[in-house]
Amino acid sequence: MDCDVGVLCLRIHVESARSLKNKRQVIRSLKDRLKARHNIALAEVAGQDSRQDSVVVAVTVANSETGARMTLDSAHEEAVSTLGRDLEEAEVHILPL
C-alpha cells in the first residue's frame, strides 16, 4: 500500500490580538474553516500561551504526493486569504509511507 502524508506548518503572528482570548478566536476560526473546506486535521502545536504567536500544523493523507500537495496548497491559499499579513511563514512537507 502506497500513500503519502502531507504536512503544512503555519507560523502565525496575530498583530491585532490584545489578549490570549483574541488570538485563540482567530486560530479557532482558521482551524474550523480549513478543516471544513479541505478535510484536513489541524492542531496548534506551539505558542498556546503567547498573546500573538502561534504555530498551526495541518495534516492530510493521500494516495499520491500530488494529491497531498494539492490539498495542502489549497489550504495554504485559504490561510493566506483568511490571515493576510498575520501569516508569517508556511512550509509544506510530503512524506511517503
PDB file of N, CA and C in Angstrom:
ATOM      1  N   MET A   1       0.844  -1.173   0.000  1.00  0.00           N
ATOM      2  CA  MET A   1       0.000   0.000   0.000  1.00  0.00           C
ATOM      3  C   MET A   1       0.889   1.236   0.000  1.00  0.00           C
ATOM      4  N   ASP A   2       0.709   2.071  -0.999  1.00  0.00           N
ATOM      5  CA  ASP A   2       1.460   3.322  -1.079  1.00  0.00           C
ATOM      6  C   ASP A   2       0.546   4.481  -0.714  1.00  0.00           C
ATOM      7  N   CYS A   3       1.064   5.360   0.130  1.00  0.00           N
ATOM      8  CA  CYS A   3       0.344   6.589   0.441  1.00  0.00           C
ATOM      9  C   CYS A   3       1.363   7.638   0.870  1.00  0.00           C
ATOM     10  N   ASP A   4       0.914   8.871   0.867  1.00  0.00           N
ATOM     11  CA  ASP A   4       1.772   9.982   1.250  1.00  0.00           C
ATOM     12  C   ASP A   4       1.077  10.805   2.325  1.00  0.00           C
ATOM     13  N   VAL A   5       1.862  11.274   3.277  1.00  0.00           N
ATOM     14  CA  VAL A   5       1.366  12.161   4.320  1.00  0.00           C
ATOM     15  C   VAL A   5       1.898  13.553   4.016  1.00  0.00           C
ATOM     16  N   GLY A   6       0.987  14.499   3.963  1.00  0.00           N
ATOM     17  CA  GLY A   6       1.372  15.889   3.726  1.00  0.00           C
ATOM     18  C   GLY A   6       1.217  16.698   4.998  1.00  0.00           C
ATOM     19  N   VAL A   7       2.212  17.536   5.279  1.00  0.00           N
ATOM     20  CA  VAL A   7       2.213  18.363   6.482  1.00  0.00           C
ATOM     21  C   VAL A   7       2.396  19.822   6.074  1.00  0.00           C
ATOM     22  N   LEU A   8       1.498  20.670   6.539  1.00  0.00           N
ATOM     23  CA  LEU A   8       1.573  22.112   6.308  1.00  0.00           C
ATOM     24  C   LEU A   8       1.761  22.784   7.653  1.00  0.00           C
ATOM     25  N   CYS A   9       2.859  23.495   7.813  1.00  0.00           N
ATOM     26  CA  CYS A   9       3.162  24.185   9.059  1.00  0.00           C
ATOM     27  C   CYS A   9       2.973  25.686   8.841  1.00  0.00           C
ATOM     28  N   LEU A  10       2.092  26.298   9.627  1.00  0.00           N
ATOM     29  CA  LEU A  10       1.787  27.724   9.501  1.00  0.00           C
ATOM     30  C   LEU A  10       2.290  28.466  10.740  1.00  0.00           C
ATOM     31  N   ARG A  11       3.182  29.412  10.528  1.00  0.00           N
ATOM     32  CA  ARG A  11       3.660  30.251  11.625  1.00  0.00           C
ATOM     33  C   ARG A  11       2.867  31.560  11.560  1.00  0.00           C
ATOM     34  N   ILE A  12       2.155  31.856  12.649  1.00  0.00           N
ATOM     35  CA  ILE A  12       1.194  32.955  12.662  1.00  0.00           C
ATOM     36  C   ILE A  12       1.549  33.960  13.751  1.00  0.00           C
ATOM     37  N   HIS A  13       1.425  35.240  13.414  1.00  0.00           N
ATOM     38  CA  HIS A  13       1.593  36.329  14.381  1.00  0.00           C
ATOM     39  C   HIS A  13       0.367  37.229  14.254  1.00  0.00           C
ATOM     40  N   VAL A  14      -0.548  37.144  15.210  1.00  0.00           N
ATOM     41  CA  VAL A  14      -1.800  37.909  15.169  1.00  0.00           C
ATOM     42  C   VAL A  14      -1.530  39.280  15.792  1.00  0.00           C
ATOM     43  N   GLU A  15      -1.141  40.212  14.946  1.00  0.00           N
ATOM     44  CA  GLU A  15      -0.749  41.557  15.389  1.00  0.00           C
ATOM     45  C   GLU A  15      -1.858  42.250  16.179  1.00  0.00           C
ATOM     46  N   SER A  16      -3.100  42.048  15.775  1.00  0.00           N
ATOM     47  CA  SER A  16      -4.217  42.764  16.404  1.00  0.00           C
ATOM     48  C   SER A  16      -4.662  42.149  17.734  1.00  0.00           C
ATOM     49  N   ALA A  17      -4.158  40.988  18.088  1.00  0.00           N
ATOM     50  CA  ALA A  17      -4.589  40.317  19.329  1.00  0.00           C
ATOM     51  C   ALA A  17      -4.063  41.063  20.546  1.00  0.00           C
ATOM     52  N   ARG A  18      -4.974  41.437  21.410  1.00  0.00           N
ATOM     53  CA  ARG A  18      -4.605  42.139  22.642  1.00  0.00           C
ATOM     54  C   ARG A  18      -4.674  41.217  23.850  1.00  0.00           C
ATOM     55  N   SER A  19      -5.145  39.989  23.625  1.00  0.00           N
ATOM     56  CA  SER A  19      -5.239  39.019  24.712  1.00  0.00           C
ATOM     57  C   SER A  19      -5.168  37.618  24.114  1.00  0.00           C
ATOM     58  N   LEU A  20      -4.960  36.637  24.988  1.00  0.00           N
ATOM     59  CA  LEU A  20      -4.977  35.246  24.537  1.00  0.00           C
ATOM     60  C   LEU A  20      -6.328  34.891  23.932  1.00  0.00           C
ATOM     61  N   LYS A  21      -7.387  35.436  24.510  1.00  0.00           N
ATOM     62  CA  LYS A  21      -8.734  35.161  24.014  1.00  0.00           C
ATOM     63  C   LYS A  21      -8.891  35.641  22.571  1.00  0.00           C
ATOM     64  N   ASN A  22      -8.371  36.832  22.248  1.00  0.00           N
ATOM     65  CA  ASN A  22      -8.429  37.345  20.875  1.00  0.00           C
ATOM     66  C   ASN A  22      -7.681  36.428  19.914  1.00  0.00           C
ATOM     67  N   LYS A  23      -6.471  36.039  20.306  1.00  0.00           N
ATOM     68  CA  LYS A  23      -5.670  35.172  19.430  1.00  0.00           C
ATOM     69  C   LYS A  23      -6.335  33.822  19.254  1.00  0.00           C
ATOM     70  N   ARG A  24      -6.833  33.244  20.320  1.00  0.00           N
ATOM     71  CA  ARG A  24      -7.466  31.928  20.236  1.00  0.00           C
ATOM     72  C   ARG A  24      -8.698  31.959  19.339  1.00  0.00           C
ATOM     73  N   GLN A  25      -9.413  33.070  19.323  1.00  0.00           N
ATOM     74  CA  GLN A  25     -10.571  33.200  18.450  1.00  0.00           C
ATOM     75  C   GLN A  25     -10.141  33.169  16.986  1.00  0.00           C
ATOM     76  N   VAL A  26      -9.068  33.867  16.656  1.00  0.00           N
ATOM     77  CA  VAL A  26      -8.543  33.872  15.283  1.00  0.00           C
ATOM     78  C   VAL A  26      -8.077  32.477  14.885  1.00  0.00           C
ATOM     79  N   ILE A  27      -7.331  31.812  15.771  1.00  0.00           N
ATOM     80  CA  ILE A  27      -6.795  30.479  15.475  1.00  0.00           C
ATOM     81  C   ILE A  27      -7.925  29.463  15.357  1.00  0.00           C
ATOM     82  N   ARG A  28      -8.889  29.500  16.259  1.00  0.00           N
ATOM     83  CA  ARG A  28     -10.016  28.566  16.204  1.00  0.00           C
ATOM     84  C   ARG A  28     -10.813  28.753  14.912  1.00  0.00           C
ATOM     85  N   SER A  29     -11.039  29.999  14.528  1.00  0.00           N
ATOM     86  CA  SER A  29     -11.763  30.292  13.292  1.00  0.00           C
ATOM     87  C   SER A  29     -11.016  29.740  12.077  1.00  0.00           C
ATOM     88  N   LEU A  30      -9.706  29.953  12.034  1.00  0.00           N
ATOM     89  CA  LEU A  30      -8.892  29.430  10.938  1.00  0.00           C
ATOM     90  C   LEU A  30      -8.963  27.906  10.895  1.00  0.00           C
ATOM     91  N   LYS A  31      -8.767  27.253  12.035  1.00  0.00           N
ATOM     92  CA  LYS A  31      -8.789  25.787  12.081  1.00  0.00           C
ATOM     93  C   LYS A  31     -10.140  25.233  11.637  1.00  0.00           C
ATOM     94  N   ASP A  32     -11.221  25.818  12.129  1.00  0.00           N
ATOM     95  CA  ASP A  32     -12.557  25.356  11.748  1.00  0.00           C
ATOM     96  C   ASP A  32     -12.797  25.508  10.252  1.00  0.00           C
ATOM     97  N   ARG A  33     -12.384  26.632   9.698  1.00  0.00           N
ATOM     98  CA  ARG A  33     -12.574  26.910   8.267  1.00  0.00           C
ATOM     99  C   ARG A  33     -11.782  25.930   7.404  1.00  0.00           C
ATOM    100  N   LEU A  34     -10.498  25.736   7.735  1.00  0.00           N
ATOM    101  CA  LEU A  34      -9.658  24.839   6.941  1.00  0.00           C
ATOM    102  C   LEU A  34     -10.131  23.391   7.049  1.00  0.00           C
ATOM    103  N   LYS A  35     -10.519  22.994   8.240  1.00  0.00           N
ATOM    104  CA  LYS A  35     -10.988  21.617   8.435  1.00  0.00           C
ATOM    105  C   LYS A  35     -12.256  21.350   7.628  1.00  0.00           C
ATOM    106  N   ALA A  36     -13.180  22.288   7.646  1.00  0.00           N
ATOM    107  CA  ALA A  36     -14.449  22.117   6.939  1.00  0.00           C
ATOM    108  C   ALA A  36     -14.274  22.124   5.420  1.00  0.00           C
ATOM    109  N   ARG A  37     -13.411  22.959   4.921  1.00  0.00           N
ATOM    110  CA  ARG A  37     -13.281  23.124   3.472  1.00  0.00           C
ATOM    111  C   ARG A  37     -12.280  22.185   2.822  1.00  0.00           C
ATOM    112  N   HIS A  38     -11.330  21.653   3.597  1.00  0.00           N
ATOM    113  CA  HIS A  38     -10.255  20.869   2.992  1.00  0.00           C
ATOM    114  C   HIS A  38     -10.116  19.472   3.571  1.00  0.00           C
ATOM    115  N   ASN A  39     -10.946  19.120   4.549  1.00  0.00           N
ATOM    116  CA  ASN A  39     -10.928  17.781   5.136  1.00  0.00           C
ATOM    117  C   ASN A  39      -9.522  17.378   5.597  1.00  0.00           C
ATOM    118  N   ILE A  40      -8.930  18.241   6.424  1.00  0.00           N
ATOM    119  CA  ILE A  40      -7.595  18.003   6.962  1.00  0.00           C
ATOM    120  C   ILE A  40      -7.663  18.048   8.483  1.00  0.00           C
ATOM    121  N   ALA A  41      -6.675  17.443   9.121  1.00  0.00           N
ATOM    122  CA  ALA A  41      -6.559  17.504  10.579  1.00  0.00           C
ATOM    123  C   ALA A  41      -5.645  18.656  10.947  1.00  0.00           C
ATOM    124  N   LEU A  42      -6.004  19.407  11.979  1.00  0.00           N
ATOM    125  CA  LEU A  42      -5.217  20.567  12.392  1.00  0.00           C
ATOM    126  C   LEU A  42      -4.987  20.568  13.890  1.00  0.00           C
ATOM    127  N   ALA A  43      -3.848  21.134  14.296  1.00  0.00           N
ATOM    128  CA  ALA A  43      -3.544  21.289  15.712  1.00  0.00           C
ATOM    129  C   ALA A  43      -2.641  22.495  15.904  1.00  0.00           C
ATOM    130  N   GLU A  44      -2.867  23.221  16.987  1.00  0.00           N
ATOM    131  CA  GLU A  44      -1.948  24.285  17.382  1.00  0.00           C
ATOM    132  C   GLU A  44      -0.853  23.606  18.188  1.00  0.00           C
ATOM    133  N   VAL A  45       0.384  23.658  17.698  1.00  0.00           N
ATOM    134  CA  VAL A  45       1.465  22.900  18.317  1.00  0.00           C
ATOM    135  C   VAL A  45       2.462  23.751  19.085  1.00  0.00           C
ATOM    136  N   ALA A  46       2.377  25.075  18.947  1.00  0.00           N
ATOM    137  CA  ALA A  46       3.282  25.958  19.677  1.00  0.00           C
ATOM    138  C   ALA A  46       2.623  27.320  19.832  1.00  0.00           C
ATOM    139  N   GLY A  47       3.031  28.019  20.872  1.00  0.00           N
ATOM    140  CA  GLY A  47       2.530  29.362  21.102  1.00  0.00           C
ATOM    141  C   GLY A  47       1.206  29.424  21.828  1.00  0.00           C
ATOM    142  N   GLN A  48       0.786  28.331  22.435  1.00  0.00           N
ATOM    143  CA  GLN A  48      -0.513  28.318  23.100  1.00  0.00           C
ATOM    144  C   GLN A  48      -0.633  29.385  24.188  1.00  0.00           C
ATOM    145  N   ASP A  49       0.465  29.715  24.834  1.00  0.00           N
ATOM    146  CA  ASP A  49       0.431  30.708  25.905  1.00  0.00           C
ATOM    147  C   ASP A  49       0.918  32.082  25.473  1.00  0.00           C
ATOM    148  N   SER A  50       1.225  32.239  24.199  1.00  0.00           N
ATOM    149  CA  SER A  50       1.652  33.532  23.668  1.00  0.00           C
ATOM    150  C   SER A  50       0.429  34.343  23.267  1.00  0.00           C
ATOM    151  N   ARG A  51       0.477  35.644  23.516  1.00  0.00           N
ATOM    152  CA  ARG A  51      -0.647  36.517  23.195  1.00  0.00           C
ATOM    153  C   ARG A  51      -0.839  36.713  21.704  1.00  0.00           C
ATOM    154  N   GLN A  52       0.239  36.620  20.907  1.00  0.00           N
ATOM    155  CA  GLN A  52       0.133  36.915  19.478  1.00  0.00           C
ATOM    156  C   GLN A  52       0.698  35.837  18.562  1.00  0.00           C
ATOM    157  N   ASP A  53       1.530  34.944  19.058  1.00  0.00           N
ATOM    158  CA  ASP A  53       2.203  33.978  18.202  1.00  0.00           C
ATOM    159  C   ASP A  53       1.602  32.582  18.331  1.00  0.00           C
ATOM    160  N   SER A  54       1.613  31.866  17.194  1.00  0.00           N
ATOM    161  CA  SER A  54       1.078  30.507  17.171  1.00  0.00           C
ATOM    162  C   SER A  54       1.703  29.738  16.018  1.00  0.00           C
ATOM    163  N   VAL A  55       1.773  28.440  16.176  1.00  0.00           N
ATOM    164  CA  VAL A  55       2.155  27.549  15.086  1.00  0.00           C
ATOM    165  C   VAL A  55       1.042  26.521  14.959  1.00  0.00           C
ATOM    166  N   VAL A  56       0.449  26.467  13.770  1.00  0.00           N
ATOM    167  CA  VAL A  56      -0.634  25.533  13.480  1.00  0.00           C
ATOM    168  C   VAL A  56      -0.137  24.564  12.419  1.00  0.00           C
ATOM    169  N   VAL A  57      -0.379  23.280  12.640  1.00  0.00           N
ATOM    170  CA  VAL A  57       0.031  22.257  11.696  1.00  0.00           C
ATOM    171  C   VAL A  57      -1.213  21.575  11.138  1.00  0.00           C
ATOM    172  N   ALA A  58      -1.234  21.425   9.814  1.00  0.00           N
ATOM    173  CA  ALA A  58      -2.313  20.716   9.122  1.00  0.00           C
ATOM    174  C   ALA A  58      -1.719  19.454   8.502  1.00  0.00           C
ATOM    175  N   VAL A  59      -2.493  18.366   8.541  1.00  0.00           N
ATOM    176  CA  VAL A  59      -2.010  17.092   8.022  1.00  0.00           C
ATOM    177  C   VAL A  59      -3.086  16.467   7.140  1.00  0.00           C
ATOM    178  N   THR A  60      -2.639  15.855   6.038  1.00  0.00           N
ATOM    179  CA  THR A  60      -3.531  15.105   5.169  1.00  0.00           C
ATOM    180  C   THR A  60      -2.841  13.830   4.719  1.00  0.00           C
ATOM    181  N   VAL A  61      -3.631  12.844   4.372  1.00  0.00           N
ATOM    182  CA  VAL A  61      -3.117  11.588   3.831  1.00  0.00           C
ATOM    183  C   VAL A  61      -3.758  11.405   2.461  1.00  0.00           C
ATOM    184  N   ALA A  62      -2.928  11.041   1.465  1.00  0.00           N
ATOM    185  CA  ALA A  62      -3.432  10.855   0.103  1.00  0.00           C
ATOM    186  C   ALA A  62      -2.740   9.663  -0.530  1.00  0.00           C
ATOM    187  N   ASN A  63      -3.298   9.203  -1.638  1.00  0.00           N
ATOM    188  CA  ASN A  63      -2.700   8.054  -2.313  1.00  0.00           C
ATOM    189  C   ASN A  63      -1.575   8.460  -3.255  1.00  0.00           C
ATOM    190  N   SER A  64      -1.284   9.762  -3.341  1.00  0.00           N
ATOM    191  CA  SER A  64      -0.167  10.230  -4.159  1.00  0.00           C
ATOM    192  C   SER A  64       0.393  11.526  -3.583  1.00  0.00           C
ATOM    193  N   GLU A  65       1.633  11.803  -3.916  1.00  0.00           N
ATOM    194  CA  GLU A  65       2.258  13.056  -3.496  1.00  0.00           C
ATOM    195  C   GLU A  65       1.498  14.240  -4.079  1.00  0.00           C
ATOM    196  N   THR A  66       1.072  14.106  -5.330  1.00  0.00           N
ATOM    197  CA  THR A  66       0.339  15.182  -5.999  1.00  0.00           C
ATOM    198  C   THR A  66      -0.959  15.499  -5.269  1.00  0.00           C
ATOM    199  N   GLY A  67      -1.683  14.463  -4.863  1.00  0.00           N
ATOM    200  CA  GLY A  67      -2.932  14.670  -4.145  1.00  0.00           C
ATOM    201  C   GLY A  67      -2.730  15.376  -2.814  1.00  0.00           C
ATOM    202  N   ALA A  68      -1.724  14.958  -2.068  1.00  0.00           N
ATOM    203  CA  ALA A  68      -1.428  15.590  -0.784  1.00  0.00           C
ATOM    204  C   ALA A  68      -1.009  17.039  -0.988  1.00  0.00           C
ATOM    205  N   ARG A  69      -0.160  17.279  -1.980  1.00  0.00           N
ATOM    206  CA  ARG A  69       0.313  18.642  -2.244  1.00  0.00           C
ATOM    207  C   ARG A  69      -0.831  19.550  -2.681  1.00  0.00           C
ATOM    208  N   MET A  70      -1.733  19.046  -3.523  1.00  0.00           N
ATOM    209  CA  MET A  70      -2.862  19.861  -3.983  1.00  0.00           C
ATOM    210  C   MET A  70      -3.756  20.257  -2.804  1.00  0.00           C
ATOM    211  N   THR A  71      -4.028  19.320  -1.919  1.00  0.00           N
ATOM    212  CA  THR A  71      -4.859  19.614  -0.747  1.00  0.00           C
ATOM    213  C   THR A  71      -4.209  20.676   0.128  1.00  0.00           C
ATOM    214  N   LEU A  72      -2.921  20.509   0.397  1.00  0.00           N
ATOM    215  CA  LEU A  72      -2.241  21.453   1.281  1.00  0.00           C
ATOM    216  C   LEU A  72      -2.011  22.800   0.615  1.00  0.00           C
ATOM    217  N   ASP A  73      -1.763  22.831  -0.685  1.00  0.00           N
ATOM    218  CA  ASP A  73      -1.635  24.107  -1.396  1.00  0.00           C
ATOM    219  C   ASP A  73      -2.944  24.889  -1.336  1.00  0.00           C
ATOM    220  N   SER A  74      -4.045  24.185  -1.487  1.00  0.00           N
ATOM    221  CA  SER A  74      -5.358  24.821  -1.396  1.00  0.00           C
ATOM    222  C   SER A  74      -5.611  25.355   0.020  1.00  0.00           C
ATOM    223  N   ALA A  75      -5.253  24.578   1.026  1.00  0.00           N
ATOM    224  CA  ALA A  75      -5.400  25.020   2.416  1.00  0.00           C
ATOM    225  C   ALA A  75      -4.501  26.217   2.692  1.00  0.00           C
ATOM    226  N   HIS A  76      -3.294  26.212   2.130  1.00  0.00           N
ATOM    227  CA  HIS A  76      -2.373  27.338   2.298  1.00  0.00           C
ATOM    228  C   HIS A  76      -2.962  28.606   1.693  1.00  0.00           C
ATOM    229  N   GLU A  77      -3.518  28.509   0.497  1.00  0.00           N
ATOM    230  CA  GLU A  77      -4.143  29.667  -0.144  1.00  0.00           C
ATOM    231  C   GLU A  77      -5.283  30.208   0.704  1.00  0.00           C
ATOM    232  N   GLU A  78      -6.069  29.324   1.275  1.00  0.00           N
ATOM    233  CA  GLU A  78      -7.174  29.728   2.154  1.00  0.00           C
ATOM    234  C   GLU A  78      -6.632  30.435   3.395  1.00  0.00           C
ATOM    235  N   ALA A  79      -5.545  29.924   3.968  1.00  0.00           N
ATOM    236  CA  ALA A  79      -4.941  30.555   5.143  1.00  0.00           C
ATOM    237  C   ALA A  79      -4.419  31.948   4.804  1.00  0.00           C
ATOM    238  N   VAL A  80      -3.815  32.087   3.638  1.00  0.00           N
ATOM    239  CA  VAL A  80      -3.314  33.404   3.199  1.00  0.00           C
ATOM    240  C   VAL A  80      -4.470  34.386   3.076  1.00  0.00           C
ATOM    241  N   SER A  81      -5.563  33.962   2.445  1.00  0.00           N
ATOM    242  CA  SER A  81      -6.685  34.875   2.263  1.00  0.00           C
ATOM    243  C   SER A  81      -7.378  35.182   3.595  1.00  0.00           C
ATOM    244  N   THR A  82      -7.366  34.256   4.527  1.00  0.00           N
ATOM    245  CA  THR A  82      -8.001  34.473   5.825  1.00  0.00           C
ATOM    246  C   THR A  82      -7.137  35.330   6.744  1.00  0.00           C
ATOM    247  N   LEU A  83      -5.839  35.037   6.805  1.00  0.00           N
ATOM    248  CA  LEU A  83      -4.960  35.701   7.763  1.00  0.00           C
ATOM    249  C   LEU A  83      -4.248  36.936   7.221  1.00  0.00           C
ATOM    250  N   GLY A  84      -4.031  36.991   5.925  1.00  0.00           N
ATOM    251  CA  GLY A  84      -3.303  38.121   5.346  1.00  0.00           C
ATOM    252  C   GLY A  84      -1.890  38.197   5.889  1.00  0.00           C
ATOM    253  N   ARG A  85      -1.528  39.376   6.368  1.00  0.00           N
ATOM    254  CA  ARG A  85      -0.167  39.604   6.864  1.00  0.00           C
ATOM    255  C   ARG A  85       0.139  38.887   8.176  1.00  0.00           C
ATOM    256  N   ASP A  86      -0.898  38.395   8.852  1.00  0.00           N
ATOM    257  CA  ASP A  86      -0.667  37.662  10.102  1.00  0.00           C
ATOM    258  C   ASP A  86      -0.002  36.308   9.865  1.00  0.00           C
ATOM    259  N   LEU A  87      -0.073  35.802   8.636  1.00  0.00           N
ATOM    260  CA  LEU A  87       0.612  34.549   8.298  1.00  0.00           C
ATOM    261  C   LEU A  87       2.051  34.886   7.952  1.00  0.00           C
ATOM    262  N   GLU A  88       2.974  34.542   8.854  1.00  0.00           N
ATOM    263  CA  GLU A  88       4.379  34.889   8.681  1.00  0.00           C
ATOM    264  C   GLU A  88       5.129  33.918   7.776  1.00  0.00           C
ATOM    265  N   GLU A  89       4.809  32.630   7.887  1.00  0.00           N
ATOM    266  CA  GLU A  89       5.577  31.621   7.157  1.00  0.00           C
ATOM    267  C   GLU A  89       4.739  30.363   6.996  1.00  0.00           C
ATOM    268  N   ALA A  90       4.945  29.687   5.896  1.00  0.00           N
ATOM    269  CA  ALA A  90       4.270  28.402   5.664  1.00  0.00           C
ATOM    270  C   ALA A  90       5.250  27.441   5.012  1.00  0.00           C
ATOM    271  N   GLU A  91       5.254  26.197   5.486  1.00  0.00           N
ATOM    272  CA  GLU A  91       6.118  25.164   4.928  1.00  0.00           C
ATOM    273  C   GLU A  91       5.284  23.924   4.643  1.00  0.00           C
ATOM    274  N   VAL A  92       5.542  23.290   3.499  1.00  0.00           N
ATOM    275  CA  VAL A  92       4.870  22.048   3.147  1.00  0.00           C
ATOM    276  C   VAL A  92       5.915  20.948   3.053  1.00  0.00           C
ATOM    277  N   HIS A  93       5.608  19.814   3.676  1.00  0.00           N
ATOM    278  CA  HIS A  93       6.465  18.636   3.604  1.00  0.00           C
ATOM    279  C   HIS A  93       5.601  17.445   3.215  1.00  0.00           C
ATOM    280  N   ILE A  94       6.072  16.652   2.278  1.00  0.00           N
ATOM    281  CA  ILE A  94       5.378  15.447   1.869  1.00  0.00           C
ATOM    282  C   ILE A  94       6.244  14.240   2.245  1.00  0.00           C
ATOM    283  N   LEU A  95       5.642  13.316   2.988  1.00  0.00           N
ATOM    284  CA  LEU A  95       6.382  12.152   3.460  1.00  0.00           C
ATOM    285  C   LEU A  95       5.770  10.875   2.881  1.00  0.00           C
ATOM    286  N   PRO A  96       6.541  10.116   2.109  1.00  0.00           N
ATOM    287  CA  PRO A  96       5.997   8.851   1.577  1.00  0.00           C
ATOM    288  C   PRO A  96       5.959   7.796   2.681  1.00  0.00           C
ATOM    289  N   LEU A  97       4.933   6.973   2.646  1.00  0.00           N
ATOM    290  CA  LEU A  97       4.836   5.871   3.619  1.00  0.00           C
ATOM    291  C   LEU A  97       4.897   4.539   2.893  1.00  0.00           C
TER     292      LEU A  97
END
